[in-house]
PDB file of N, CA and C in Angstrom:
ATOM      1  N   MET A   1      34.185  -8.268  68.652  1.00  0.00           N
ATOM      2  CA  MET A   1      33.692  -8.113  67.365  1.00  0.00           C
ATOM      3  C   MET A   1      34.047  -6.779  66.611  1.00  0.00           C
ATOM      4  N   VAL A   2      34.325  -7.086  65.442  1.00  0.00           N
ATOM      5  CA  VAL A   2      34.944  -6.029  64.648  1.00  0.00           C
ATOM      6  C   VAL A   2      33.594  -4.957  64.305  1.00  0.00           C
ATOM      7  N   ASN A   3      34.019  -3.676  64.696  1.00  0.00           N
ATOM      8  CA  ASN A   3      33.131  -2.716  64.060  1.00  0.00           C
ATOM      9  C   ASN A   3      33.161  -2.221  62.821  1.00  0.00           C
ATOM     10  N   SER A   4      32.444  -1.563  62.110  1.00  0.00           N
ATOM     11  CA  SER A   4      32.153  -1.053  60.538  1.00  0.00           C
ATOM     12  C   SER A   4      33.392  -0.286  60.305  1.00  0.00           C
ATOM     13  N   ASP A   5      33.600   0.745  61.286  1.00  0.00           N
ATOM     14  CA  ASP A   5      34.842   1.627  61.177  1.00  0.00           C
ATOM     15  C   ASP A   5      36.254   1.037  60.824  1.00  0.00           C
ATOM     16  N   GLU A   6      36.308  -0.431  61.739  1.00  0.00           N
ATOM     17  CA  GLU A   6      37.602  -1.049  61.498  1.00  0.00           C
ATOM     18  C   GLU A   6      37.546  -1.884  60.021  1.00  0.00           C
ATOM     19  N   ARG A   7      36.306  -2.296  59.701  1.00  0.00           N
ATOM     20  CA  ARG A   7      36.295  -3.272  58.690  1.00  0.00           C
ATOM     21  C   ARG A   7      36.603  -2.201  57.184  1.00  0.00           C
ATOM     22  N   ALA A   8      36.008  -1.110  57.292  1.00  0.00           N
ATOM     23  CA  ALA A   8      36.255  -0.016  56.184  1.00  0.00           C
ATOM     24  C   ALA A   8      37.886   0.448  56.142  1.00  0.00           C
ATOM     25  N   VAL A   9      38.412   0.467  57.324  1.00  0.00           N
ATOM     26  CA  VAL A   9      39.852   0.596  57.306  1.00  0.00           C
ATOM     27  C   VAL A   9      40.784  -0.335  56.808  1.00  0.00           C
ATOM     28  N   VAL A  10      40.189  -1.597  57.042  1.00  0.00           N
ATOM     29  CA  VAL A  10      40.948  -2.868  56.456  1.00  0.00           C
ATOM     30  C   VAL A  10      40.811  -2.683  55.015  1.00  0.00           C
ATOM     31  N   ALA A  11      39.646  -2.438  54.705  1.00  0.00           N
ATOM     32  CA  ALA A  11      39.366  -2.730  53.075  1.00  0.00           C
ATOM     33  C   ALA A  11      39.800  -1.677  52.676  1.00  0.00           C
ATOM     34  N   LEU A  12      40.220  -0.445  53.041  1.00  0.00           N
ATOM     35  CA  LEU A  12      41.019   0.761  52.255  1.00  0.00           C
ATOM     36  C   LEU A  12      42.205   0.284  52.097  1.00  0.00           C
ATOM     37  N   GLU A  13      42.862  -0.249  53.424  1.00  0.00           N
ATOM     38  CA  GLU A  13      44.278  -0.803  53.300  1.00  0.00           C
ATOM     39  C   GLU A  13      44.505  -1.806  52.117  1.00  0.00           C
ATOM     40  N   LEU A  14      43.349  -3.000  52.267  1.00  0.00           N
ATOM     41  CA  LEU A  14      43.826  -3.738  51.369  1.00  0.00           C
ATOM     42  C   LEU A  14      43.504  -3.266  49.794  1.00  0.00           C
ATOM     43  N   GLU A  15      42.852  -2.284  49.443  1.00  0.00           N
ATOM     44  CA  GLU A  15      42.756  -1.812  48.263  1.00  0.00           C
ATOM     45  C   GLU A  15      44.078  -0.943  47.935  1.00  0.00           C
ATOM     46  N   ARG A  16      44.607  -0.356  48.802  1.00  0.00           N
ATOM     47  CA  ARG A  16      45.948   0.348  48.747  1.00  0.00           C
ATOM     48  C   ARG A  16      46.881  -0.729  48.264  1.00  0.00           C
ATOM     49  N   LEU A  17      46.921  -1.789  48.980  1.00  0.00           N
ATOM     50  CA  LEU A  17      47.924  -2.795  48.587  1.00  0.00           C
ATOM     51  C   LEU A  17      47.641  -3.383  47.397  1.00  0.00           C
ATOM     52  N   ARG A  18      46.561  -3.591  46.925  1.00  0.00           N
ATOM     53  CA  ARG A  18      46.209  -4.130  45.732  1.00  0.00           C
ATOM     54  C   ARG A  18      46.702  -3.260  44.546  1.00  0.00           C
ATOM     55  N   ARG A  19      46.496  -2.029  44.969  1.00  0.00           N
ATOM     56  CA  ARG A  19      46.876  -1.102  43.742  1.00  0.00           C
ATOM     57  C   ARG A  19      48.527  -1.062  43.741  1.00  0.00           C
ATOM     58  N   ALA A  20      48.915  -1.068  45.033  1.00  0.00           N
ATOM     59  CA  ALA A  20      50.624  -0.958  44.809  1.00  0.00           C
ATOM     60  C   ALA A  20      51.128  -2.348  44.024  1.00  0.00           C
ATOM     61  N   VAL A  21      50.441  -3.550  44.310  1.00  0.00           N
ATOM     62  CA  VAL A  21      50.957  -4.896  43.655  1.00  0.00           C
ATOM     63  C   VAL A  21      50.736  -4.570  42.217  1.00  0.00           C
ATOM     64  N   ASP A  22      49.420  -4.040  41.742  1.00  0.00           N
ATOM     65  CA  ASP A  22      49.278  -3.772  40.446  1.00  0.00           C
ATOM     66  C   ASP A  22      50.172  -3.006  39.572  1.00  0.00           C
ATOM     67  N   VAL A  23      50.443  -1.931  40.422  1.00  0.00           N
ATOM     68  CA  VAL A  23      51.613  -0.931  40.002  1.00  0.00           C
ATOM     69  C   VAL A  23      53.043  -1.419  39.591  1.00  0.00           C
ATOM     70  N   GLY A  24      53.215  -2.365  40.703  1.00  0.00           N
ATOM     71  CA  GLY A  24      54.367  -3.014  40.669  1.00  0.00           C
ATOM     72  C   GLY A  24      54.568  -3.920  39.603  1.00  0.00           C
ATOM     73  N   PHE A  25      53.556  -4.753  39.336  1.00  0.00           N
ATOM     74  CA  PHE A  25      53.417  -5.688  38.244  1.00  0.00           C
ATOM     75  C   PHE A  25      53.620  -4.974  36.915  1.00  0.00           C
ATOM     76  N   ALA A  26      52.900  -3.970  36.946  1.00  0.00           N
ATOM     77  CA  ALA A  26      52.885  -3.221  35.504  1.00  0.00           C
ATOM     78  C   ALA A  26      54.087  -2.646  35.160  1.00  0.00           C
ATOM     79  N   THR A  27      54.962  -2.179  36.023  1.00  0.00           N
ATOM     80  CA  THR A  27      56.492  -1.587  36.060  1.00  0.00           C
ATOM     81  C   THR A  27      57.270  -2.703  35.674  1.00  0.00           C
ATOM     82  N   THR A  28      57.062  -3.762  36.304  1.00  0.00           N
ATOM     83  CA  THR A  28      57.846  -5.005  36.200  1.00  0.00           C
ATOM     84  C   THR A  28      57.771  -5.629  34.537  1.00  0.00           C
ATOM     85  N   ARG A  29      56.431  -5.496  34.097  1.00  0.00           N
ATOM     86  CA  ARG A  29      56.187  -6.235  32.898  1.00  0.00           C
ATOM     87  C   ARG A  29      56.744  -4.926  31.723  1.00  0.00           C
ATOM     88  N   GLY A  30      56.602  -3.527  32.059  1.00  0.00           N
ATOM     89  CA  GLY A  30      57.417  -2.702  30.981  1.00  0.00           C
ATOM     90  C   GLY A  30      58.923  -2.992  31.167  1.00  0.00           C
ATOM     91  N   ASP A  31      59.385  -3.154  32.175  1.00  0.00           N
ATOM     92  CA  ASP A  31      60.842  -3.357  32.058  1.00  0.00           C
ATOM     93  C   ASP A  31      61.253  -4.474  31.571  1.00  0.00           C
ATOM     94  N   LEU A  32      60.554  -5.758  31.609  1.00  0.00           N
ATOM     95  CA  LEU A  32      60.805  -6.950  30.927  1.00  0.00           C
ATOM     96  C   LEU A  32      60.608  -6.714  29.497  1.00  0.00           C
ATOM     97  N   ALA A  33      59.606  -6.153  29.013  1.00  0.00           N
ATOM     98  CA  ALA A  33      59.211  -5.772  27.561  1.00  0.00           C
ATOM     99  C   ALA A  33      60.535  -5.042  26.997  1.00  0.00           C
ATOM    100  N   LEU A  34      61.037  -4.004  27.904  1.00  0.00           N
ATOM    101  CA  LEU A  34      62.004  -3.242  27.098  1.00  0.00           C
ATOM    102  C   LEU A  34      63.393  -4.306  27.207  1.00  0.00           C
ATOM    103  N   LEU A  35      63.492  -5.065  28.289  1.00  0.00           N
ATOM    104  CA  LEU A  35      64.892  -5.755  28.269  1.00  0.00           C
ATOM    105  C   LEU A  35      64.778  -6.698  26.868  1.00  0.00           C
ATOM    106  N   LEU A  36      63.407  -7.346  26.684  1.00  0.00           N
ATOM    107  CA  LEU A  36      63.118  -8.238  25.386  1.00  0.00           C
ATOM    108  C   LEU A  36      63.498  -7.672  24.157  1.00  0.00           C
ATOM    109  N   GLN A  37      63.225  -6.053  24.205  1.00  0.00           N
ATOM    110  CA  GLN A  37      63.391  -5.398  22.930  1.00  0.00           C
ATOM    111  C   GLN A  37      64.727  -5.272  22.639  1.00  0.00           C
ATOM    112  N   ARG A  38      65.455  -5.099  23.820  1.00  0.00           N
ATOM    113  CA  ARG A  38      66.971  -4.773  23.627  1.00  0.00           C
ATOM    114  C   ARG A  38      67.856  -5.883  23.114  1.00  0.00           C
ATOM    115  N   ALA A  39      67.325  -7.321  23.652  1.00  0.00           N
ATOM    116  CA  ALA A  39      67.871  -8.430  23.646  1.00  0.00           C
ATOM    117  C   ALA A  39      67.571  -8.882  21.998  1.00  0.00           C
ATOM    118  N   ASP A  40      66.451  -8.448  21.482  1.00  0.00           N
ATOM    119  CA  ASP A  40      66.064  -8.727  19.911  1.00  0.00           C
ATOM    120  C   ASP A  40      66.856  -7.825  19.169  1.00  0.00           C
ATOM    121  N   GLN A  41      67.311  -6.616  19.690  1.00  0.00           N
ATOM    122  CA  GLN A  41      68.162  -5.730  18.742  1.00  0.00           C
ATOM    123  C   GLN A  41      69.504  -6.192  18.959  1.00  0.00           C
ATOM    124  N   THR A  42      70.051  -6.600  20.016  1.00  0.00           N
ATOM    125  CA  THR A  42      71.211  -7.275  20.035  1.00  0.00           C
ATOM    126  C   THR A  42      71.517  -8.517  19.456  1.00  0.00           C
ATOM    127  N   ASP A  43      70.582  -9.342  19.343  1.00  0.00           N
ATOM    128  CA  ASP A  43      70.728 -10.594  18.484  1.00  0.00           C
ATOM    129  C   ASP A  43      70.783 -10.135  17.124  1.00  0.00           C
ATOM    130  N   LYS A  44      69.938  -9.197  16.796  1.00  0.00           N
ATOM    131  CA  LYS A  44      69.951  -8.538  15.198  1.00  0.00           C
ATOM    132  C   LYS A  44      71.220  -8.153  14.725  1.00  0.00           C
ATOM    133  N   THR A  45      71.868  -7.373  15.788  1.00  0.00           N
ATOM    134  CA  THR A  45      73.040  -6.765  15.438  1.00  0.00           C
ATOM    135  C   THR A  45      74.068  -7.479  15.416  1.00  0.00           C
ATOM    136  N   LEU A  46      74.173  -8.840  16.546  1.00  0.00           N
ATOM    137  CA  LEU A  46      75.239  -9.910  16.420  1.00  0.00           C
ATOM    138  C   LEU A  46      74.848 -10.605  15.427  1.00  0.00           C
ATOM    139  N   GLY A  47      74.007 -10.871  14.912  1.00  0.00           N
ATOM    140  CA  GLY A  47      73.817 -11.525  13.606  1.00  0.00           C
ATOM    141  C   GLY A  47      74.537 -10.901  12.284  1.00  0.00           C
ATOM    142  N   GLU A  48      74.132  -9.459  12.097  1.00  0.00           N
ATOM    143  CA  GLU A  48      74.660  -8.678  10.892  1.00  0.00           C
ATOM    144  C   GLU A  48      76.195  -8.622  11.037  1.00  0.00           C
ATOM    145  N   HIS A  49      76.875  -8.696  12.302  1.00  0.00           N
ATOM    146  CA  HIS A  49      78.186  -8.784  12.682  1.00  0.00           C
ATOM    147  C   HIS A  49      78.923 -10.185  12.244  1.00  0.00           C
ATOM    148  N   GLU A  50      78.230 -11.113  12.474  1.00  0.00           N
ATOM    149  CA  GLU A  50      78.616 -12.351  11.936  1.00  0.00           C
ATOM    150  C   GLU A  50      78.471 -12.426  10.595  1.00  0.00           C
ATOM    151  N   GLU A  51      77.449 -12.120   9.948  1.00  0.00           N
ATOM    152  CA  GLU A  51      77.528 -12.230   8.362  1.00  0.00           C
ATOM    153  C   GLU A  51      78.714 -11.190   7.781  1.00  0.00           C
ATOM    154  N   ARG A  52      79.000 -10.170   8.201  1.00  0.00           N
ATOM    155  CA  ARG A  52      79.964  -9.129   7.901  1.00  0.00           C
ATOM    156  C   ARG A  52      81.301  -9.957   8.180  1.00  0.00           C
ATOM    157  N   ILE A  53      81.561 -10.690   9.268  1.00  0.00           N
ATOM    158  CA  ILE A  53      82.821 -11.359   9.424  1.00  0.00           C
ATOM    159  C   ILE A  53      82.968 -12.767   8.419  1.00  0.00           C
ATOM    160  N   ASP A  54      81.819 -13.462   8.121  1.00  0.00           N
ATOM    161  CA  ASP A  54      81.980 -14.323   7.427  1.00  0.00           C
ATOM    162  C   ASP A  54      82.075 -14.026   5.934  1.00  0.00           C
ATOM    163  N   ALA A  55      81.542 -12.650   5.508  1.00  0.00           N
ATOM    164  CA  ALA A  55      82.032 -12.211   4.203  1.00  0.00           C
ATOM    165  C   ALA A  55      83.677 -11.843   4.233  1.00  0.00           C
ATOM    166  N   LEU A  56      84.076 -11.282   5.212  1.00  0.00           N
ATOM    167  CA  LEU A  56      85.361 -10.815   5.278  1.00  0.00           C
ATOM    168  C   LEU A  56      86.498 -12.250   5.365  1.00  0.00           C
ATOM    169  N   GLU A  57      86.136 -13.101   5.892  1.00  0.00           N
ATOM    170  CA  GLU A  57      86.644 -14.359   5.921  1.00  0.00           C
ATOM    171  C   GLU A  57      86.804 -15.009   4.638  1.00  0.00           C
ATOM    172  N   ARG A  58      85.734 -14.762   3.765  1.00  0.00           N
ATOM    173  CA  ARG A  58      85.689 -15.531   2.668  1.00  0.00           C
ATOM    174  C   ARG A  58      86.474 -14.758   1.400  1.00  0.00           C
ATOM    175  N   THR A  59      86.723 -13.468   1.626  1.00  0.00           N
ATOM    176  CA  THR A  59      87.495 -12.887   0.581  1.00  0.00           C
ATOM    177  C   THR A  59      88.802 -12.660   1.124  1.00  0.00           C
ATOM    178  N   ARG A  60      89.326 -12.972   2.204  1.00  0.00           N
ATOM    179  CA  ARG A  60      90.647 -12.662   2.458  1.00  0.00           C
ATOM    180  C   ARG A  60      91.680 -13.690   1.988  1.00  0.00           C
ATOM    181  N   TRP A  61      92.782 -13.164   1.729  1.00  0.00           N
ATOM    182  CA  TRP A  61      93.883 -14.342   1.410  1.00  0.00           C
ATOM    183  C   TRP A  61      94.613 -14.935   2.365  1.00  0.00           C
ATOM    184  N   PRO A  62      94.499 -16.275   2.331  1.00  0.00           N
ATOM    185  CA  PRO A  62      95.291 -16.909   3.357  1.00  0.00           C
ATOM    186  C   PRO A  62      96.663 -16.748   3.430  1.00  0.00           C
ATOM    187  N   LEU A  63      97.360 -16.435   4.532  1.00  0.00           N
ATOM    188  CA  LEU A  63      98.850 -16.103   4.804  1.00  0.00           C
ATOM    189  C   LEU A  63      99.921 -17.078   4.049  1.00  0.00           C
ATOM    190  N   PRO A  64      99.725 -18.398   4.199  1.00  0.00           N
ATOM    191  CA  PRO A  64     100.753 -19.094   3.227  1.00  0.00           C
ATOM    192  C   PRO A  64     100.627 -18.899   2.163  1.00  0.00           C
ATOM    193  N   SER A  65      99.513 -18.607   1.397  1.00  0.00           N
ATOM    194  CA  SER A  65      99.364 -18.532   0.007  1.00  0.00           C
ATOM    195  C   SER A  65     100.132 -17.087  -0.321  1.00  0.00           C
ATOM    196  N   LEU A  66      99.690 -16.148   0.355  1.00  0.00           N
ATOM    197  CA  LEU A  66     100.540 -14.778   0.095  1.00  0.00           C
ATOM    198  C   LEU A  66     102.028 -15.151   0.529  1.00  0.00           C
ATOM    199  N   ALA A  67     102.354 -15.552   1.514  1.00  0.00           N
ATOM    200  CA  ALA A  67     104.063 -16.035   1.754  1.00  0.00           C
ATOM    201  C   ALA A  67     104.578 -16.710   0.306  1.00  0.00           C
ATOM    202  N   ALA A  68     103.673 -17.785  -0.065  1.00  0.00           N
ATOM    203  CA  ALA A  68     104.357 -18.530  -1.385  1.00  0.00           C
ATOM    204  C   ALA A  68     104.434 -17.536  -2.565  1.00  0.00           C
ATOM    205  N   MET A  69     103.469 -16.638  -2.748  1.00  0.00           N
ATOM    206  CA  MET A  69     103.491 -15.931  -3.883  1.00  0.00           C
ATOM    207  C   MET A  69     104.531 -14.873  -3.555  1.00  0.00           C
ATOM    208  N   THR A  70     104.711 -14.325  -2.464  1.00  0.00           N
ATOM    209  CA  THR A  70     105.758 -13.497  -2.295  1.00  0.00           C
ATOM    210  C   THR A  70     107.085 -13.914  -2.547  1.00  0.00           C
ATOM    211  N   SER A  71     107.500 -15.108  -2.006  1.00  0.00           N
ATOM    212  CA  SER A  71     108.765 -15.888  -2.440  1.00  0.00           C
ATOM    213  C   SER A  71     109.004 -16.232  -3.868  1.00  0.00           C
ATOM    214  N   VAL A  72     107.861 -16.549  -4.681  1.00  0.00           N
ATOM    215  CA  VAL A  72     107.937 -16.772  -5.963  1.00  0.00           C
ATOM    216  C   VAL A  72     108.366 -15.457  -6.794  1.00  0.00           C
ATOM    217  N   ILE A  73     108.022 -14.414  -6.367  1.00  0.00           N
ATOM    218  CA  ILE A  73     107.996 -13.094  -7.106  1.00  0.00           C
ATOM    219  C   ILE A  73     109.486 -12.762  -6.563  1.00  0.00           C
ATOM    220  N   ALA A  74     110.178 -12.898  -5.506  1.00  0.00           N
ATOM    221  CA  ALA A  74     111.282 -12.487  -5.084  1.00  0.00           C
ATOM    222  C   ALA A  74     112.200 -13.585  -5.694  1.00  0.00           C
ATOM    223  N   LEU A  75     111.851 -14.700  -6.096  1.00  0.00           N
ATOM    224  CA  LEU A  75     112.970 -15.559  -7.018  1.00  0.00           C
ATOM    225  C   LEU A  75     112.960 -15.111  -8.415  1.00  0.00           C
ATOM    226  N   VAL A  76     111.769 -14.630  -8.908  1.00  0.00           N
ATOM    227  CA  VAL A  76     111.966 -14.258 -10.327  1.00  0.00           C
ATOM    228  C   VAL A  76     112.561 -13.019 -10.356  1.00  0.00           C
ATOM    229  N   VAL A  77     112.537 -12.160  -9.546  1.00  0.00           N
ATOM    230  CA  VAL A  77     113.231 -10.666  -9.576  1.00  0.00           C
ATOM    231  C   VAL A  77     114.604 -11.016  -9.445  1.00  0.00           C
ATOM    232  N   THR A  78     114.991 -12.060  -8.637  1.00  0.00           N
ATOM    233  CA  THR A  78     116.429 -12.466  -8.199  1.00  0.00           C
ATOM    234  C   THR A  78     116.899 -12.887  -9.394  1.00  0.00           C
ATOM    235  N   VAL A  79     116.129 -13.728 -10.197  1.00  0.00           N
ATOM    236  CA  VAL A  79     116.915 -14.473 -11.398  1.00  0.00           C
ATOM    237  C   VAL A  79     116.844 -13.454 -12.469  1.00  0.00           C
ATOM    238  N   TRP A  80     115.832 -12.502 -12.400  1.00  0.00           N
ATOM    239  CA  TRP A  80     116.226 -11.525 -13.660  1.00  0.00           C
ATOM    240  C   TRP A  80     117.285 -10.380 -13.385  1.00  0.00           C
ATOM    241  N   SER A  81     117.498 -10.404 -12.412  1.00  0.00           N
ATOM    242  CA  SER A  81     118.353  -9.097 -11.824  1.00  0.00           C
ATOM    243  C   SER A  81     119.932  -9.929 -12.096  1.00  0.00           C
ATOM    244  N   THR A  82     120.140 -11.069 -11.900  1.00  0.00           N
ATOM    245  CA  THR A  82     121.504 -11.687 -11.753  1.00  0.00           C
ATOM    246  C   THR A  82     121.896 -12.096 -13.270  1.00  0.00           C
ATOM    247  N   GLY A  83     120.932 -11.986 -14.060  1.00  0.00           N
ATOM    248  CA  GLY A  83     121.350 -12.474 -15.520  1.00  0.00           C
ATOM    249  C   GLY A  83     120.235 -12.788 -16.446  1.00  0.00           C
ATOM    250  N   GLY A  84     119.021 -12.850 -15.957  1.00  0.00           N
ATOM    251  CA  GLY A  84     118.141 -13.067 -17.152  1.00  0.00           C
ATOM    252  C   GLY A  84     117.467 -11.854 -17.805  1.00  0.00           C
ATOM    253  N   GLY A  85     117.945 -10.673 -17.063  1.00  0.00           N
ATOM    254  CA  GLY A  85     117.304  -9.749 -17.763  1.00  0.00           C
ATOM    255  C   GLY A  85     118.240  -8.627 -18.486  1.00  0.00           C
ATOM    256  N   ARG A  86     119.527  -9.160 -18.762  1.00  0.00           N
ATOM    257  CA  ARG A  86     120.404  -8.265 -19.508  1.00  0.00           C
ATOM    258  C   ARG A  86     120.245  -8.120 -20.991  1.00  0.00           C
TER     259      ARG A  86
END
């Protein structure tokens, strides 16, 4: 049979274990909350970067158009310098 001293020791150890588990869960919850906040910030930053990239892509000149324009300007300058500009 178990005496009252042993019961008190077991109860004390169970309380310590419970406290340790509660602290562990609280720490884990805090870490998860921090990770969630960082993930939200990362998502927001990523969305802002995507918007900036989309804006840059809309305003850039396509390379084939730039090449065609350069060729036309070169042709005009050549024609002008060989006889049209005298």
